[in-house]
PDB file of all heavy atoms in Angstrom:
ATOM      1  N   ARG A   1       0.826  -1.228  -0.009  1.00  0.00           N
ATOM      2  CA  ARG A   1       0.014   0.005   0.000  1.00  0.00           C
ATOM      3  C   ARG A   1       0.850   1.252  -0.010  1.00  0.00           C
ATOM      4  O   ARG A   1       0.425   2.337  -0.408  1.00  0.00           O
ATOM      5  CB  ARG A   1      -0.928   0.021   1.222  1.00  0.00           C
ATOM      6  CG  ARG A   1      -0.274   0.284   2.510  1.00  0.00           C
ATOM      7  CD  ARG A   1      -1.282   0.391   3.680  1.00  0.00           C
ATOM      8  NE  ARG A   1      -0.617   0.735   4.913  1.00  0.00           N
ATOM      9  CZ  ARG A   1      -0.329   1.959   5.292  1.00  0.00           C
ATOM     10  NH1 ARG A   1      -0.615   2.967   4.531  1.00  0.00           N
ATOM     11  NH2 ARG A   1       0.243   2.171   6.475  1.00  0.00           N
ATOM     12  N   LEU A   2       2.118   1.166   0.494  1.00  0.00           N
ATOM     13  CA  LEU A   2       2.984   2.334   0.503  1.00  0.00           C
ATOM     14  C   LEU A   2       3.358   2.775  -0.898  1.00  0.00           C
ATOM     15  O   LEU A   2       3.691   3.962  -1.100  1.00  0.00           O
ATOM     16  CB  LEU A   2       4.275   2.018   1.309  1.00  0.00           C
ATOM     17  CG  LEU A   2       4.057   1.643   2.800  1.00  0.00           C
ATOM     18  CD1 LEU A   2       5.384   1.294   3.431  1.00  0.00           C
ATOM     19  CD2 LEU A   2       3.394   2.777   3.568  1.00  0.00           C
ATOM     20  N   ASP A   3       3.321   1.854  -1.845  1.00  0.00           N
ATOM     21  CA  ASP A   3       3.679   2.220  -3.218  1.00  0.00           C
ATOM     22  C   ASP A   3       2.678   3.196  -3.827  1.00  0.00           C
ATOM     23  O   ASP A   3       3.015   3.858  -4.816  1.00  0.00           O
ATOM     24  CB  ASP A   3       3.777   0.960  -4.076  1.00  0.00           C
ATOM     25  CG  ASP A   3       4.904   0.029  -3.631  1.00  0.00           C
ATOM     26  OD1 ASP A   3       5.857   0.530  -2.986  1.00  0.00           O
ATOM     27  OD2 ASP A   3       4.813  -1.183  -3.859  1.00  0.00           O
ATOM     28  N   ASP A   4       1.472   3.264  -3.259  1.00  0.00           N
ATOM     29  CA  ASP A   4       0.457   4.149  -3.814  1.00  0.00           C
ATOM     30  C   ASP A   4       0.532   5.565  -3.174  1.00  0.00           C
ATOM     31  O   ASP A   4      -0.219   6.430  -3.639  1.00  0.00           O
ATOM     32  CB  ASP A   4      -0.913   3.576  -3.560  1.00  0.00           C
ATOM     33  CG  ASP A   4      -1.123   2.227  -4.225  1.00  0.00           C
ATOM     34  OD1 ASP A   4      -0.515   2.037  -5.293  1.00  0.00           O
ATOM     35  OD2 ASP A   4      -1.834   1.373  -3.662  1.00  0.00           O
ATOM     36  N   LEU A   5       1.412   5.776  -2.217  1.00  0.00           N
ATOM     37  CA  LEU A   5       1.522   7.054  -1.550  1.00  0.00           C
ATOM     38  C   LEU A   5       2.540   7.940  -2.291  1.00  0.00           C
ATOM     39  O   LEU A   5       3.591   7.440  -2.687  1.00  0.00           O
ATOM     40  CB  LEU A   5       1.935   6.913  -0.100  1.00  0.00           C
ATOM     41  CG  LEU A   5       1.000   6.052   0.779  1.00  0.00           C
ATOM     42  CD1 LEU A   5       1.560   5.945   2.187  1.00  0.00           C
ATOM     43  CD2 LEU A   5      -0.385   6.655   0.811  1.00  0.00           C
ATOM     44  N   ASP A   6       2.205   9.214  -2.447  1.00  0.00           N
ATOM     45  CA  ASP A   6       3.088  10.121  -3.226  1.00  0.00           C
ATOM     46  C   ASP A   6       3.336  11.373  -2.453  1.00  0.00           C
ATOM     47  O   ASP A   6       2.425  11.943  -1.846  1.00  0.00           O
ATOM     48  CB  ASP A   6       2.420  10.439  -4.573  1.00  0.00           C
ATOM     49  CG  ASP A   6       3.394  10.961  -5.590  1.00  0.00           C
ATOM     50  OD1 ASP A   6       4.092  11.953  -5.270  1.00  0.00           O
ATOM     51  OD2 ASP A   6       3.503  10.349  -6.672  1.00  0.00           O
ATOM     52  N   MET A   7       4.570  11.844  -2.471  1.00  0.00           N
ATOM     53  CA  MET A   7       4.954  13.108  -1.800  1.00  0.00           C
ATOM     54  C   MET A   7       4.137  14.259  -2.350  1.00  0.00           C
ATOM     55  O   MET A   7       3.892  15.259  -1.642  1.00  0.00           O
ATOM     56  CB  MET A   7       6.431  13.349  -1.959  1.00  0.00           C
ATOM     57  CG  MET A   7       7.319  12.561  -1.025  1.00  0.00           C
ATOM     58  SD  MET A   7       7.223  13.119   0.656  1.00  0.00           S
ATOM     59  CE  MET A   7       8.498  12.071   1.414  1.00  0.00           C
ATOM     60  N   ALA A   8       3.781  14.201  -3.616  1.00  0.00           N
ATOM     61  CA  ALA A   8       3.019  15.314  -4.231  1.00  0.00           C
ATOM     62  C   ALA A   8       1.648  15.486  -3.591  1.00  0.00           C
ATOM     63  O   ALA A   8       1.026  16.519  -3.734  1.00  0.00           O
ATOM     64  CB  ALA A   8       2.880  15.069  -5.733  1.00  0.00           C
ATOM     65  N   ASP A   9       1.173  14.478  -2.870  1.00  0.00           N
ATOM     66  CA  ASP A   9      -0.155  14.567  -2.240  1.00  0.00           C
ATOM     67  C   ASP A   9      -0.103  15.482  -1.007  1.00  0.00           C
ATOM     68  O   ASP A   9      -1.177  15.893  -0.515  1.00  0.00           O
ATOM     69  CB  ASP A   9      -0.638  13.188  -1.804  1.00  0.00           C
ATOM     70  CG  ASP A   9      -0.785  12.247  -2.992  1.00  0.00           C
ATOM     71  OD1 ASP A   9      -1.049  12.744  -4.091  1.00  0.00           O
ATOM     72  OD2 ASP A   9      -0.713  11.031  -2.782  1.00  0.00           O
ATOM     73  N   LEU A  10       1.087  15.741  -0.449  1.00  0.00           N
ATOM     74  CA  LEU A  10       1.197  16.529   0.766  1.00  0.00           C
ATOM     75  C   LEU A  10       1.381  18.015   0.403  1.00  0.00           C
ATOM     76  O   LEU A  10       2.316  18.357  -0.310  1.00  0.00           O
ATOM     77  CB  LEU A  10       2.358  16.039   1.620  1.00  0.00           C
ATOM     78  CG  LEU A  10       2.284  14.563   2.049  1.00  0.00           C
ATOM     79  CD1 LEU A  10       3.513  14.213   2.906  1.00  0.00           C
ATOM     80  CD2 LEU A  10       0.998  14.321   2.821  1.00  0.00           C
ATOM     81  N   ARG A  11       0.524  18.851   0.950  1.00  0.00           N
ATOM     82  CA  ARG A  11       0.583  20.315   0.651  1.00  0.00           C
ATOM     83  C   ARG A  11       1.635  20.950   1.594  1.00  0.00           C
ATOM     84  O   ARG A  11       1.642  20.648   2.793  1.00  0.00           O
ATOM     85  CB  ARG A  11      -0.790  20.915   0.871  1.00  0.00           C
ATOM     86  CG  ARG A  11      -0.857  22.389   0.640  1.00  0.00           C
ATOM     87  CD  ARG A  11      -2.359  22.818   0.564  1.00  0.00           C
ATOM     88  NE  ARG A  11      -3.081  22.391   1.765  1.00  0.00           N
ATOM     89  CZ  ARG A  11      -3.180  23.147   2.860  1.00  0.00           C
ATOM     90  NH1 ARG A  11      -2.561  24.315   2.907  1.00  0.00           N
ATOM     91  NH2 ARG A  11      -3.868  22.712   3.897  1.00  0.00           N
ATOM     92  N   GLY A  12       2.467  21.805   1.038  1.00  0.00           N
ATOM     93  CA  GLY A  12       3.462  22.501   1.851  1.00  0.00           C
ATOM     94  C   GLY A  12       4.532  21.546   2.335  1.00  0.00           C
ATOM     95  O   GLY A  12       4.955  20.623   1.662  1.00  0.00           O
ATOM     96  N   LEU A  13       5.037  21.799   3.584  1.00  0.00           N
ATOM     97  CA  LEU A  13       6.050  20.955   4.218  1.00  0.00           C
ATOM     98  C   LEU A  13       7.319  20.886   3.385  1.00  0.00           C
ATOM     99  O   LEU A  13       8.037  19.882   3.462  1.00  0.00           O
ATOM    100  CB  LEU A  13       5.494  19.569   4.502  1.00  0.00           C
ATOM    101  CG  LEU A  13       4.264  19.448   5.363  1.00  0.00           C
ATOM    102  CD1 LEU A  13       3.750  18.010   5.414  1.00  0.00           C
ATOM    103  CD2 LEU A  13       4.560  19.938   6.789  1.00  0.00           C
ATOM    104  N   ASP A  14       7.654  21.901   2.637  1.00  0.00           N
ATOM    105  CA  ASP A  14       8.811  21.852   1.769  1.00  0.00           C
ATOM    106  C   ASP A  14      10.111  21.760   2.516  1.00  0.00           C
ATOM    107  O   ASP A  14      11.035  21.069   2.095  1.00  0.00           O
ATOM    108  CB  ASP A  14       8.831  23.073   0.845  1.00  0.00           C
ATOM    109  CG  ASP A  14       7.640  23.107  -0.099  1.00  0.00           C
ATOM    110  OD1 ASP A  14       7.384  22.083  -0.783  1.00  0.00           O
ATOM    111  OD2 ASP A  14       6.942  24.119  -0.128  1.00  0.00           O
ATOM    112  N   ASP A  15      10.200  22.435   3.661  1.00  0.00           N
ATOM    113  CA  ASP A  15      11.386  22.330   4.485  1.00  0.00           C
ATOM    114  C   ASP A  15      11.605  20.878   4.915  1.00  0.00           C
ATOM    115  O   ASP A  15      12.711  20.369   4.778  1.00  0.00           O
ATOM    116  CB  ASP A  15      11.172  23.222   5.738  1.00  0.00           C
ATOM    117  CG  ASP A  15      12.339  23.145   6.688  1.00  0.00           C
ATOM    118  OD1 ASP A  15      12.473  22.119   7.426  1.00  0.00           O
ATOM    119  OD2 ASP A  15      13.084  24.129   6.791  1.00  0.00           O
ATOM    120  N   ALA A  16      10.592  20.211   5.406  1.00  0.00           N
ATOM    121  CA  ALA A  16      10.698  18.820   5.856  1.00  0.00           C
ATOM    122  C   ALA A  16      10.942  17.905   4.676  1.00  0.00           C
ATOM    123  O   ALA A  16      11.695  16.932   4.792  1.00  0.00           O
ATOM    124  CB  ALA A  16       9.426  18.397   6.603  1.00  0.00           C
ATOM    125  N   LYS A  17      10.342  18.173   3.530  1.00  0.00           N
ATOM    126  CA  LYS A  17      10.541  17.314   2.352  1.00  0.00           C
ATOM    127  C   LYS A  17      11.982  17.363   1.906  1.00  0.00           C
ATOM    128  O   LYS A  17      12.586  16.349   1.545  1.00  0.00           O
ATOM    129  CB  LYS A  17       9.646  17.736   1.215  1.00  0.00           C
ATOM    130  CG  LYS A  17       8.157  17.377   1.395  1.00  0.00           C
ATOM    131  CD  LYS A  17       7.363  17.835   0.219  1.00  0.00           C
ATOM    132  CE  LYS A  17       5.874  17.543   0.361  1.00  0.00           C
ATOM    133  NZ  LYS A  17       5.080  18.049  -0.756  1.00  0.00           N
ATOM    134  N   PHE A  18      12.584  18.547   1.924  1.00  0.00           N
ATOM    135  CA  PHE A  18      13.994  18.683   1.532  1.00  0.00           C
ATOM    136  C   PHE A  18      14.877  17.903   2.539  1.00  0.00           C
ATOM    137  O   PHE A  18      15.799  17.174   2.152  1.00  0.00           O
ATOM    138  CB  PHE A  18      14.431  20.136   1.484  1.00  0.00           C
ATOM    139  CG  PHE A  18      15.890  20.335   1.252  1.00  0.00           C
ATOM    140  CD1 PHE A  18      16.478  20.012   0.053  1.00  0.00           C
ATOM    141  CD2 PHE A  18      16.720  20.836   2.289  1.00  0.00           C
ATOM    142  CE1 PHE A  18      17.836  20.164  -0.146  1.00  0.00           C
ATOM    143  CE2 PHE A  18      18.063  20.984   2.121  1.00  0.00           C
ATOM    144  CZ  PHE A  18      18.638  20.672   0.861  1.00  0.00           C
ATOM    145  N   ALA A  19      14.575  18.035   3.830  1.00  0.00           N
ATOM    146  CA  ALA A  19      15.359  17.332   4.838  1.00  0.00           C
ATOM    147  C   ALA A  19      15.246  15.824   4.639  1.00  0.00           C
ATOM    148  O   ALA A  19      16.266  15.090   4.753  1.00  0.00           O
ATOM    149  CB  ALA A  19      14.859  17.716   6.245  1.00  0.00           C
ATOM    150  N   ILE A  20      14.056  15.333   4.331  1.00  0.00           N
ATOM    151  CA  ILE A  20      13.862  13.887   4.106  1.00  0.00           C
ATOM    152  C   ILE A  20      14.594  13.446   2.852  1.00  0.00           C
ATOM    153  O   ILE A  20      15.154  12.346   2.812  1.00  0.00           O
ATOM    154  CB  ILE A  20      12.367  13.598   4.037  1.00  0.00           C
ATOM    155  CG1 ILE A  20      11.769  13.587   5.469  1.00  0.00           C
ATOM    156  CG2 ILE A  20      12.092  12.270   3.357  1.00  0.00           C
ATOM    157  CD1 ILE A  20      10.294  13.467   5.543  1.00  0.00           C
ATOM    158  N   GLU A  21      14.592  14.279   1.829  1.00  0.00           N
ATOM    159  CA  GLU A  21      15.307  13.927   0.611  1.00  0.00           C
ATOM    160  C   GLU A  21      16.807  13.774   0.864  1.00  0.00           C
ATOM    161  O   GLU A  21      17.453  12.845   0.390  1.00  0.00           O
ATOM    162  CB  GLU A  21      15.057  14.971  -0.461  1.00  0.00           C
ATOM    163  CG  GLU A  21      15.573  14.584  -1.834  1.00  0.00           C
ATOM    164  CD  GLU A  21      15.159  15.577  -2.906  1.00  0.00           C
ATOM    165  OE1 GLU A  21      14.515  16.601  -2.551  1.00  0.00           O
ATOM    166  OE2 GLU A  21      15.465  15.338  -4.074  1.00  0.00           O
ATOM    167  N   VAL A  22      17.342  14.692   1.673  1.00  0.00           N
ATOM    168  CA  VAL A  22      18.764  14.590   2.033  1.00  0.00           C
ATOM    169  C   VAL A  22      18.992  13.330   2.843  1.00  0.00           C
ATOM    170  O   VAL A  22      19.966  12.598   2.594  1.00  0.00           O
ATOM    171  CB  VAL A  22      19.204  15.841   2.830  1.00  0.00           C
ATOM    172  CG1 VAL A  22      20.626  15.671   3.353  1.00  0.00           C
ATOM    173  CG2 VAL A  22      19.110  17.093   1.979  1.00  0.00           C
ATOM    174  N   ALA A  23      18.127  13.070   3.832  1.00  0.00           N
ATOM    175  CA  ALA A  23      18.288  11.855   4.643  1.00  0.00           C
ATOM    176  C   ALA A  23      18.252  10.616   3.785  1.00  0.00           C
ATOM    177  O   ALA A  23      19.062   9.669   3.997  1.00  0.00           O
ATOM    178  CB  ALA A  23      17.184  11.852   5.719  1.00  0.00           C
ATOM    179  N   ALA A  24      17.348  10.556   2.848  1.00  0.00           N
ATOM    180  CA  ALA A  24      17.219   9.360   1.974  1.00  0.00           C
ATOM    181  C   ALA A  24      18.461   9.213   1.079  1.00  0.00           C
ATOM    182  O   ALA A  24      18.907   8.111   0.835  1.00  0.00           O
ATOM    183  CB  ALA A  24      15.946   9.465   1.136  1.00  0.00           C
TER     184      ALA A  24
END
């Protein structure tokens, strides 16, 4: 079910998304 989840679905949170991208 995780394969159906997309980061684009989350509004805002760009600071956290960038941090997660670096972590990954």
